[in-house]
Amino acid sequence: VRMPGTTESSRRSLKNPVGQRIISAKSLRMKELQNQLSDAHYHLN
């Protein structure tokens, strides 16, 4: 799902540290979820 303006807003928020922190927190969360997914995959096989 591609939302219009997401890259714009994220690019804009890179300039302020709060937005930077939010983005890094989101990417950390995504990494955690991906790790959990691959773990579950591994256990299923």
Protein backbone atom coordinates (compact mmCIF):
# COMPACT_ATOMS: atom_id res chain seq x y z
CA VAL A 1 0.00 0.00 0.00
CA ARG A 2 1.61 3.24 -1.14
CA MET A 3 0.25 6.38 0.43
CA PRO A 4 0.80 9.62 -1.45
CA GLY A 5 2.91 12.14 0.43
CA THR A 6 4.50 9.67 2.83
CA THR A 7 7.95 10.20 1.37
CA GLU A 8 7.38 13.95 1.46
CA SER A 9 6.37 13.97 5.12
CA SER A 10 9.16 11.61 6.16
CA ARG A 11 11.68 13.72 4.27
CA ARG A 12 10.36 16.79 6.03
CA SER A 13 10.43 15.16 9.45
CA LEU A 14 14.03 14.08 8.95
CA LYS A 15 14.94 17.70 9.61
CA ASN A 16 13.52 17.68 13.13
CA PRO A 17 14.89 15.22 15.72
CA VAL A 18 11.46 14.14 16.97
CA GLY A 19 10.42 12.93 13.53
CA GLN A 20 13.78 11.22 13.18
CA ARG A 21 13.18 9.35 16.42
CA ILE A 22 9.67 8.32 15.37
CA ILE A 23 10.94 7.00 12.05
CA SER A 24 13.75 5.02 13.66
CA ALA A 25 11.34 3.60 16.23
CA LYS A 26 9.01 2.52 13.41
CA SER A 27 11.82 0.85 11.48
CA LEU A 28 12.98 -0.90 14.65
CA ARG A 29 9.46 -2.20 15.18
CA MET A 30 9.32 -3.43 11.59
CA LYS A 31 12.62 -5.27 12.06
CA GLU A 32 11.28 -6.91 15.21
CA LEU A 33 8.12 -8.02 13.42
CA GLN A 34 10.14 -9.39 10.50
CA ASN A 35 12.35 -11.31 12.91
CA GLN A 36 9.29 -12.77 14.62
CA LEU A 37 7.86 -13.73 11.23
CA SER A 38 11.02 -15.50 10.13
CA ASP A 39 11.22 -17.26 13.50
CA ALA A 40 7.65 -18.49 13.14
CA HIS A 41 8.42 -19.59 9.58
CA TYR A 42 11.44 -21.51 10.80
CA HIS A 43 9.45 -23.28 13.51
CA LEU A 44 6.66 -24.18 11.08
CA ASN A 45 9.01 -25.93 8.66
